[in-house]
Amino acid sequence: MGYAELISKLEALTREKQAEVFEFVEFLSARFGISTGKPTPHADWTDKEFSELSMSQAMRGMEKETVSYTREDLRERWQ
């Protein structure tokens, strides 16, 4: 994928999604020590902070989903 295609795809996203992509790029830059010319507050994150961010990003939007299972569905059954 070239820069032109990437920019085109980014421009097609909503502002909210563009901000999410930007945050992710900033995060990756900080995590892997890539200098963007700006201070990176995330470069010295602890594993716990990284895990919390990862989980929050993975679960983003799920609170709006309807639940289609009950507690009974969660129980493990042994025979």
PDB file of N, CA and C in Angstrom:
ATOM      1  N   MET A   1       0.841  -1.166   0.000  1.00  0.00           N
ATOM      2  CA  MET A   1       0.000   0.000   0.000  1.00  0.00           C
ATOM      3  C   MET A   1       0.890   1.233   0.000  1.00  0.00           C
ATOM      4  N   GLY A   2       0.665   2.112  -0.917  1.00  0.00           N
ATOM      5  CA  GLY A   2       1.439   3.337  -1.004  1.00  0.00           C
ATOM      6  C   GLY A   2       0.831   4.441  -0.150  1.00  0.00           C
ATOM      7  N   TYR A   3       1.567   5.541  -0.034  1.00  0.00           N
ATOM      8  CA  TYR A   3       1.091   6.669   0.770  1.00  0.00           C
ATOM      9  C   TYR A   3      -0.220   7.226   0.242  1.00  0.00           C
ATOM     10  N   ALA A   4      -0.355   7.340  -1.079  1.00  0.00           N
ATOM     11  CA  ALA A   4      -1.572   7.903  -1.666  1.00  0.00           C
ATOM     12  C   ALA A   4      -2.787   7.055  -1.302  1.00  0.00           C
ATOM     13  N   GLU A   5      -2.641   5.735  -1.373  1.00  0.00           N
ATOM     14  CA  GLU A   5      -3.753   4.848  -1.019  1.00  0.00           C
ATOM     15  C   GLU A   5      -4.068   4.944   0.470  1.00  0.00           C
ATOM     16  N   LEU A   6      -3.037   5.020   1.291  1.00  0.00           N
ATOM     17  CA  LEU A   6      -3.231   5.147   2.739  1.00  0.00           C
ATOM     18  C   LEU A   6      -3.969   6.443   3.068  1.00  0.00           C
ATOM     19  N   ILE A   7      -3.531   7.557   2.475  1.00  0.00           N
ATOM     20  CA  ILE A   7      -4.173   8.849   2.706  1.00  0.00           C
ATOM     21  C   ILE A   7      -5.623   8.813   2.243  1.00  0.00           C
ATOM     22  N   SER A   8      -5.876   8.193   1.116  1.00  0.00           N
ATOM     23  CA  SER A   8      -7.235   8.086   0.594  1.00  0.00           C
ATOM     24  C   SER A   8      -8.130   7.322   1.564  1.00  0.00           C
ATOM     25  N   LYS A   9      -7.621   6.225   2.096  1.00  0.00           N
ATOM     26  CA  LYS A   9      -8.397   5.432   3.054  1.00  0.00           C
ATOM     27  C   LYS A   9      -8.636   6.210   4.340  1.00  0.00           C
ATOM     28  N   LEU A  10      -7.628   6.940   4.796  1.00  0.00           N
ATOM     29  CA  LEU A  10      -7.782   7.751   6.007  1.00  0.00           C
ATOM     30  C   LEU A  10      -8.820   8.847   5.820  1.00  0.00           C
ATOM     31  N   GLU A  11      -8.788   9.487   4.671  1.00  0.00           N
ATOM     32  CA  GLU A  11      -9.739  10.570   4.396  1.00  0.00           C
ATOM     33  C   GLU A  11     -11.175  10.069   4.330  1.00  0.00           C
ATOM     34  N   ALA A  12     -11.360   8.797   3.980  1.00  0.00           N
ATOM     35  CA  ALA A  12     -12.696   8.227   3.894  1.00  0.00           C
ATOM     36  C   ALA A  12     -13.288   7.910   5.278  1.00  0.00           C
ATOM     37  N   LEU A  13     -12.430   7.865   6.300  1.00  0.00           N
ATOM     38  CA  LEU A  13     -12.888   7.560   7.656  1.00  0.00           C
ATOM     39  C   LEU A  13     -13.520   8.785   8.304  1.00  0.00           C
ATOM     40  N   THR A  14     -14.346   8.528   9.328  1.00  0.00           N
ATOM     41  CA  THR A  14     -14.904   9.627  10.120  1.00  0.00           C
ATOM     42  C   THR A  14     -13.781  10.268  10.923  1.00  0.00           C
ATOM     43  N   ARG A  15     -14.020  11.474  11.405  1.00  0.00           N
ATOM     44  CA  ARG A  15     -13.007  12.180  12.218  1.00  0.00           C
ATOM     45  C   ARG A  15     -12.634  11.358  13.448  1.00  0.00           C
ATOM     46  N   GLU A  16     -13.617  10.703  14.045  1.00  0.00           N
ATOM     47  CA  GLU A  16     -13.373   9.887  15.236  1.00  0.00           C
ATOM     48  C   GLU A  16     -12.407   8.738  14.913  1.00  0.00           C
ATOM     49  N   LYS A  17     -12.639   8.072  13.798  1.00  0.00           N
ATOM     50  CA  LYS A  17     -11.780   6.956  13.398  1.00  0.00           C
ATOM     51  C   LYS A  17     -10.401   7.451  12.973  1.00  0.00           C
ATOM     52  N   GLN A  18     -10.335   8.624  12.339  1.00  0.00           N
ATOM     53  CA  GLN A  18      -9.039   9.199  11.984  1.00  0.00           C
ATOM     54  C   GLN A  18      -8.228   9.470  13.248  1.00  0.00           C
ATOM     55  N   ALA A  19      -8.888   9.980  14.290  1.00  0.00           N
ATOM     56  CA  ALA A  19      -8.214  10.241  15.563  1.00  0.00           C
ATOM     57  C   ALA A  19      -7.725   8.941  16.180  1.00  0.00           C
ATOM     58  N   GLU A  20      -8.515   7.879  16.055  1.00  0.00           N
ATOM     59  CA  GLU A  20      -8.119   6.572  16.589  1.00  0.00           C
ATOM     60  C   GLU A  20      -6.882   6.049  15.868  1.00  0.00           C
ATOM     61  N   VAL A  21      -6.840   6.195  14.552  1.00  0.00           N
ATOM     62  CA  VAL A  21      -5.675   5.773  13.766  1.00  0.00           C
ATOM     63  C   VAL A  21      -4.453   6.572  14.191  1.00  0.00           C
ATOM     64  N   PHE A  22      -4.620   7.884  14.347  1.00  0.00           N
ATOM     65  CA  PHE A  22      -3.514   8.740  14.757  1.00  0.00           C
ATOM     66  C   PHE A  22      -2.979   8.324  16.124  1.00  0.00           C
ATOM     67  N   GLU A  23      -3.885   8.065  17.072  1.00  0.00           N
ATOM     68  CA  GLU A  23      -3.469   7.624  18.403  1.00  0.00           C
ATOM     69  C   GLU A  23      -2.685   6.316  18.324  1.00  0.00           C
ATOM     70  N   PHE A  24      -3.142   5.411  17.467  1.00  0.00           N
ATOM     71  CA  PHE A  24      -2.460   4.128  17.329  1.00  0.00           C
ATOM     72  C   PHE A  24      -1.064   4.305  16.736  1.00  0.00           C
ATOM     73  N   VAL A  25      -0.941   5.169  15.746  1.00  0.00           N
ATOM     74  CA  VAL A  25       0.366   5.433  15.136  1.00  0.00           C
ATOM     75  C   VAL A  25       1.298   6.066  16.166  1.00  0.00           C
ATOM     76  N   GLU A  26       0.790   7.002  16.955  1.00  0.00           N
ATOM     77  CA  GLU A  26       1.590   7.617  18.019  1.00  0.00           C
ATOM     78  C   GLU A  26       2.037   6.568  19.024  1.00  0.00           C
ATOM     79  N   PHE A  27       1.119   5.672  19.374  1.00  0.00           N
ATOM     80  CA  PHE A  27       1.432   4.606  20.316  1.00  0.00           C
ATOM     81  C   PHE A  27       2.538   3.701  19.775  1.00  0.00           C
ATOM     82  N   LEU A  28       2.408   3.277  18.517  1.00  0.00           N
ATOM     83  CA  LEU A  28       3.428   2.418  17.917  1.00  0.00           C
ATOM     84  C   LEU A  28       4.773   3.128  17.837  1.00  0.00           C
ATOM     85  N   SER A  29       4.747   4.397  17.476  1.00  0.00           N
ATOM     86  CA  SER A  29       5.992   5.168  17.404  1.00  0.00           C
ATOM     87  C   SER A  29       6.674   5.210  18.763  1.00  0.00           C
ATOM     88  N   ALA A  30       5.900   5.448  19.791  1.00  0.00           N
ATOM     89  CA  ALA A  30       6.459   5.507  21.140  1.00  0.00           C
ATOM     90  C   ALA A  30       6.944   4.135  21.595  1.00  0.00           C
ATOM     91  N   ARG A  31       6.165   3.133  21.320  1.00  0.00           N
ATOM     92  CA  ARG A  31       6.488   1.770  21.778  1.00  0.00           C
ATOM     93  C   ARG A  31       7.790   1.255  21.148  1.00  0.00           C
ATOM     94  N   PHE A  32       8.019   1.604  19.906  1.00  0.00           N
ATOM     95  CA  PHE A  32       9.191   1.095  19.207  1.00  0.00           C
ATOM     96  C   PHE A  32      10.302   2.130  19.065  1.00  0.00           C
ATOM     97  N   GLY A  33      10.161   3.258  19.777  1.00  0.00           N
ATOM     98  CA  GLY A  33      11.223   4.247  19.825  1.00  0.00           C
ATOM     99  C   GLY A  33      11.452   4.998  18.538  1.00  0.00           C
ATOM    100  N   ILE A  34      10.423   5.125  17.728  1.00  0.00           N
ATOM    101  CA  ILE A  34      10.547   5.867  16.476  1.00  0.00           C
ATOM    102  C   ILE A  34      10.315   7.338  16.789  1.00  0.00           C
ATOM    103  N   SER A  35      11.270   8.170  16.459  1.00  0.00           N
ATOM    104  CA  SER A  35      11.171   9.583  16.774  1.00  0.00           C
ATOM    105  C   SER A  35      10.273  10.299  15.781  1.00  0.00           C
ATOM    106  N   THR A  36       9.326  11.066  16.316  1.00  0.00           N
ATOM    107  CA  THR A  36       8.452  11.876  15.471  1.00  0.00           C
ATOM    108  C   THR A  36       8.779  13.353  15.640  1.00  0.00           C
ATOM    109  N   GLY A  37       9.846  13.648  16.383  1.00  0.00           N
ATOM    110  CA  GLY A  37      10.218  15.032  16.612  1.00  0.00           C
ATOM    111  C   GLY A  37       9.507  15.647  17.796  1.00  0.00           C
ATOM    112  N   LYS A  38       8.504  14.943  18.323  1.00  0.00           N
ATOM    113  CA  LYS A  38       7.768  15.437  19.481  1.00  0.00           C
ATOM    114  C   LYS A  38       8.065  14.521  20.663  1.00  0.00           C
ATOM    115  N   PRO A  39       7.971  15.051  21.888  1.00  0.00           N
ATOM    116  CA  PRO A  39       8.145  14.186  23.047  1.00  0.00           C
ATOM    117  C   PRO A  39       7.080  13.093  23.053  1.00  0.00           C
ATOM    118  N   THR A  40       7.453  11.914  23.440  1.00  0.00           N
ATOM    119  CA  THR A  40       6.513  10.800  23.468  1.00  0.00           C
ATOM    120  C   THR A  40       6.273  10.381  24.920  1.00  0.00           C
ATOM    121  N   PRO A  41       5.118  10.752  25.463  1.00  0.00           N
ATOM    122  CA  PRO A  41       4.831  10.439  26.859  1.00  0.00           C
ATOM    123  C   PRO A  41       4.617   8.956  27.119  1.00  0.00           C
ATOM    124  N   HIS A  42       4.444   8.159  26.066  1.00  0.00           N
ATOM    125  CA  HIS A  42       4.151   6.738  26.243  1.00  0.00           C
ATOM    126  C   HIS A  42       5.385   5.851  26.165  1.00  0.00           C
ATOM    127  N   ALA A  43       6.540   6.423  25.919  1.00  0.00           N
ATOM    128  CA  ALA A  43       7.741   5.618  25.706  1.00  0.00           C
ATOM    129  C   ALA A  43       8.138   4.816  26.939  1.00  0.00           C
ATOM    130  N   ASP A  44       7.791   5.307  28.106  1.00  0.00           N
ATOM    131  CA  ASP A  44       8.197   4.607  29.329  1.00  0.00           C
ATOM    132  C   ASP A  44       7.011   3.956  30.034  1.00  0.00           C
ATOM    133  N   TRP A  45       6.037   3.517  29.262  1.00  0.00           N
ATOM    134  CA  TRP A  45       4.876   2.852  29.835  1.00  0.00           C
ATOM    135  C   TRP A  45       5.293   1.556  30.502  1.00  0.00           C
ATOM    136  N   THR A  46       4.604   1.230  31.576  1.00  0.00           N
ATOM    137  CA  THR A  46       4.807  -0.062  32.227  1.00  0.00           C
ATOM    138  C   THR A  46       3.993  -1.104  31.462  1.00  0.00           C
ATOM    139  N   ASP A  47       4.275  -2.363  31.731  1.00  0.00           N
ATOM    140  CA  ASP A  47       3.497  -3.432  31.098  1.00  0.00           C
ATOM    141  C   ASP A  47       2.023  -3.322  31.475  1.00  0.00           C
ATOM    142  N   LYS A  48       1.748  -2.916  32.721  1.00  0.00           N
ATOM    143  CA  LYS A  48       0.366  -2.780  33.172  1.00  0.00           C
ATOM    144  C   LYS A  48      -0.353  -1.693  32.371  1.00  0.00           C
ATOM    145  N   GLU A  49       0.296  -0.544  32.188  1.00  0.00           N
ATOM    146  CA  GLU A  49      -0.311   0.539  31.420  1.00  0.00           C
ATOM    147  C   GLU A  49      -0.566   0.114  29.973  1.00  0.00           C
ATOM    148  N   PHE A  50       0.396  -0.589  29.393  1.00  0.00           N
ATOM    149  CA  PHE A  50       0.248  -1.082  28.023  1.00  0.00           C
ATOM    150  C   PHE A  50      -0.915  -2.067  27.934  1.00  0.00           C
ATOM    151  N   SER A  51      -1.016  -2.969  28.912  1.00  0.00           N
ATOM    152  CA  SER A  51      -2.102  -3.952  28.920  1.00  0.00           C
ATOM    153  C   SER A  51      -3.461  -3.282  29.041  1.00  0.00           C
ATOM    154  N   GLU A  52      -3.543  -2.265  29.904  1.00  0.00           N
ATOM    155  CA  GLU A  52      -4.809  -1.557  30.075  1.00  0.00           C
ATOM    156  C   GLU A  52      -5.223  -0.848  28.786  1.00  0.00           C
ATOM    157  N   LEU A  53      -4.266  -0.214  28.112  1.00  0.00           N
ATOM    158  CA  LEU A  53      -4.578   0.442  26.841  1.00  0.00           C
ATOM    159  C   LEU A  53      -5.012  -0.590  25.807  1.00  0.00           C
ATOM    160  N   SER A  54      -4.288  -1.681  25.725  1.00  0.00           N
ATOM    161  CA  SER A  54      -4.618  -2.719  24.750  1.00  0.00           C
ATOM    162  C   SER A  54      -6.032  -3.248  24.969  1.00  0.00           C
ATOM    163  N   MET A  55      -6.374  -3.510  26.224  1.00  0.00           N
ATOM    164  CA  MET A  55      -7.702  -4.040  26.529  1.00  0.00           C
ATOM    165  C   MET A  55      -8.780  -3.003  26.228  1.00  0.00           C
ATOM    166  N   SER A  56      -8.539  -1.757  26.583  1.00  0.00           N
ATOM    167  CA  SER A  56      -9.550  -0.730  26.314  1.00  0.00           C
ATOM    168  C   SER A  56      -9.764  -0.555  24.811  1.00  0.00           C
ATOM    169  N   GLN A  57      -8.693  -0.657  24.023  1.00  0.00           N
ATOM    170  CA  GLN A  57      -8.831  -0.549  22.572  1.00  0.00           C
ATOM    171  C   GLN A  57      -9.551  -1.767  22.005  1.00  0.00           C
ATOM    172  N   ALA A  58      -9.256  -2.941  22.527  1.00  0.00           N
ATOM    173  CA  ALA A  58      -9.900  -4.164  22.039  1.00  0.00           C
ATOM    174  C   ALA A  58     -11.391  -4.172  22.362  1.00  0.00           C
ATOM    175  N   MET A  59     -11.771  -3.592  23.500  1.00  0.00           N
ATOM    176  CA  MET A  59     -13.160  -3.623  23.941  1.00  0.00           C
ATOM    177  C   MET A  59     -13.948  -2.393  23.488  1.00  0.00           C
ATOM    178  N   ARG A  60     -13.296  -1.446  22.804  1.00  0.00           N
ATOM    179  CA  ARG A  60     -13.949  -0.209  22.393  1.00  0.00           C
ATOM    180  C   ARG A  60     -15.194  -0.498  21.569  1.00  0.00           C
ATOM    181  N   GLY A  61     -16.315   0.096  21.990  1.00  0.00           N
ATOM    182  CA  GLY A  61     -17.571  -0.058  21.264  1.00  0.00           C
ATOM    183  C   GLY A  61     -18.393  -1.267  21.669  1.00  0.00           C
ATOM    184  N   MET A  62     -17.822  -2.185  22.417  1.00  0.00           N
ATOM    185  CA  MET A  62     -18.557  -3.397  22.778  1.00  0.00           C
ATOM    186  C   MET A  62     -19.662  -3.133  23.787  1.00  0.00           C
ATOM    187  N   GLU A  63     -19.547  -2.017  24.533  1.00  0.00           N
ATOM    188  CA  GLU A  63     -20.583  -1.718  25.518  1.00  0.00           C
ATOM    189  C   GLU A  63     -21.919  -1.429  24.844  1.00  0.00           C
ATOM    190  N   LYS A  64     -21.913  -1.141  23.557  1.00  0.00           N
ATOM    191  CA  LYS A  64     -23.141  -0.857  22.818  1.00  0.00           C
ATOM    192  C   LYS A  64     -23.793  -2.126  22.269  1.00  0.00           C
ATOM    193  N   GLU A  65     -23.088  -3.236  22.315  1.00  0.00           N
ATOM    194  CA  GLU A  65     -23.631  -4.479  21.770  1.00  0.00           C
ATOM    195  C   GLU A  65     -24.652  -5.088  22.726  1.00  0.00           C
ATOM    196  N   THR A  66     -25.659  -5.705  22.147  1.00  0.00           N
ATOM    197  CA  THR A  66     -26.655  -6.369  22.980  1.00  0.00           C
ATOM    198  C   THR A  66     -26.118  -7.715  23.435  1.00  0.00           C
ATOM    199  N   VAL A  67     -26.500  -8.100  24.628  1.00  0.00           N
ATOM    200  CA  VAL A  67     -26.049  -9.369  25.199  1.00  0.00           C
ATOM    201  C   VAL A  67     -27.048 -10.449  24.806  1.00  0.00           C
ATOM    202  N   SER A  68     -26.545 -11.519  24.228  1.00  0.00           N
ATOM    203  CA  SER A  68     -27.439 -12.583  23.775  1.00  0.00           C
ATOM    204  C   SER A  68     -27.161 -13.903  24.488  1.00  0.00           C
ATOM    205  N   TYR A  69     -26.599 -13.821  25.686  1.00  0.00           N
ATOM    206  CA  TYR A  69     -26.331 -15.017  26.455  1.00  0.00           C
ATOM    207  C   TYR A  69     -26.673 -14.743  27.911  1.00  0.00           C
ATOM    208  N   THR A  70     -26.824 -15.844  28.676  1.00  0.00           N
ATOM    209  CA  THR A  70     -27.157 -15.729  30.094  1.00  0.00           C
ATOM    210  C   THR A  70     -26.011 -16.288  30.919  1.00  0.00           C
ATOM    211  N   ARG A  71     -26.135 -16.184  32.218  1.00  0.00           N
ATOM    212  CA  ARG A  71     -25.118 -16.758  33.107  1.00  0.00           C
ATOM    213  C   ARG A  71     -25.023 -18.280  32.916  1.00  0.00           C
ATOM    214  N   GLU A  72     -26.137 -18.906  32.602  1.00  0.00           N
ATOM    215  CA  GLU A  72     -26.134 -20.355  32.368  1.00  0.00           C
ATOM    216  C   GLU A  72     -25.200 -20.715  31.214  1.00  0.00           C
ATOM    217  N   ASP A  73     -25.129 -19.856  30.210  1.00  0.00           N
ATOM    218  CA  ASP A  73     -24.268 -20.103  29.059  1.00  0.00           C
ATOM    219  C   ASP A  73     -22.786 -20.077  29.444  1.00  0.00           C
ATOM    220  N   LEU A  74     -22.471 -19.404  30.538  1.00  0.00           N
ATOM    221  CA  LEU A  74     -21.069 -19.236  30.934  1.00  0.00           C
ATOM    222  C   LEU A  74     -20.552 -20.374  31.801  1.00  0.00           C
ATOM    223  N   ARG A  75     -21.428 -21.182  32.311  1.00  0.00           N
ATOM    224  CA  ARG A  75     -21.009 -22.254  33.189  1.00  0.00           C
ATOM    225  C   ARG A  75     -20.412 -23.414  32.384  1.00  0.00           C
ATOM    226  N   GLU A  76     -19.334 -23.920  32.905  1.00  0.00           N
ATOM    227  CA  GLU A  76     -18.699 -25.077  32.265  1.00  0.00           C
ATOM    228  C   GLU A  76     -19.425 -26.328  32.734  1.00  0.00           C
ATOM    229  N   ARG A  77     -19.647 -27.217  31.825  1.00  0.00           N
ATOM    230  CA  ARG A  77     -20.392 -28.438  32.177  1.00  0.00           C
ATOM    231  C   ARG A  77     -19.479 -29.648  32.073  1.00  0.00           C
ATOM    232  N   TRP A  78     -19.458 -30.423  33.121  1.00  0.00           N
ATOM    233  CA  TRP A  78     -18.652 -31.636  33.162  1.00  0.00           C
ATOM    234  C   TRP A  78     -19.591 -32.828  33.193  1.00  0.00           C
ATOM    235  N   GLN A  79     -19.228 -33.835  32.412  1.00  0.00           N
ATOM    236  CA  GLN A  79     -20.065 -35.027  32.388  1.00  0.00           C
ATOM    237  C   GLN A  79     -19.259 -36.229  32.792  1.00  0.00           C
TER     238      GLN A  79
END
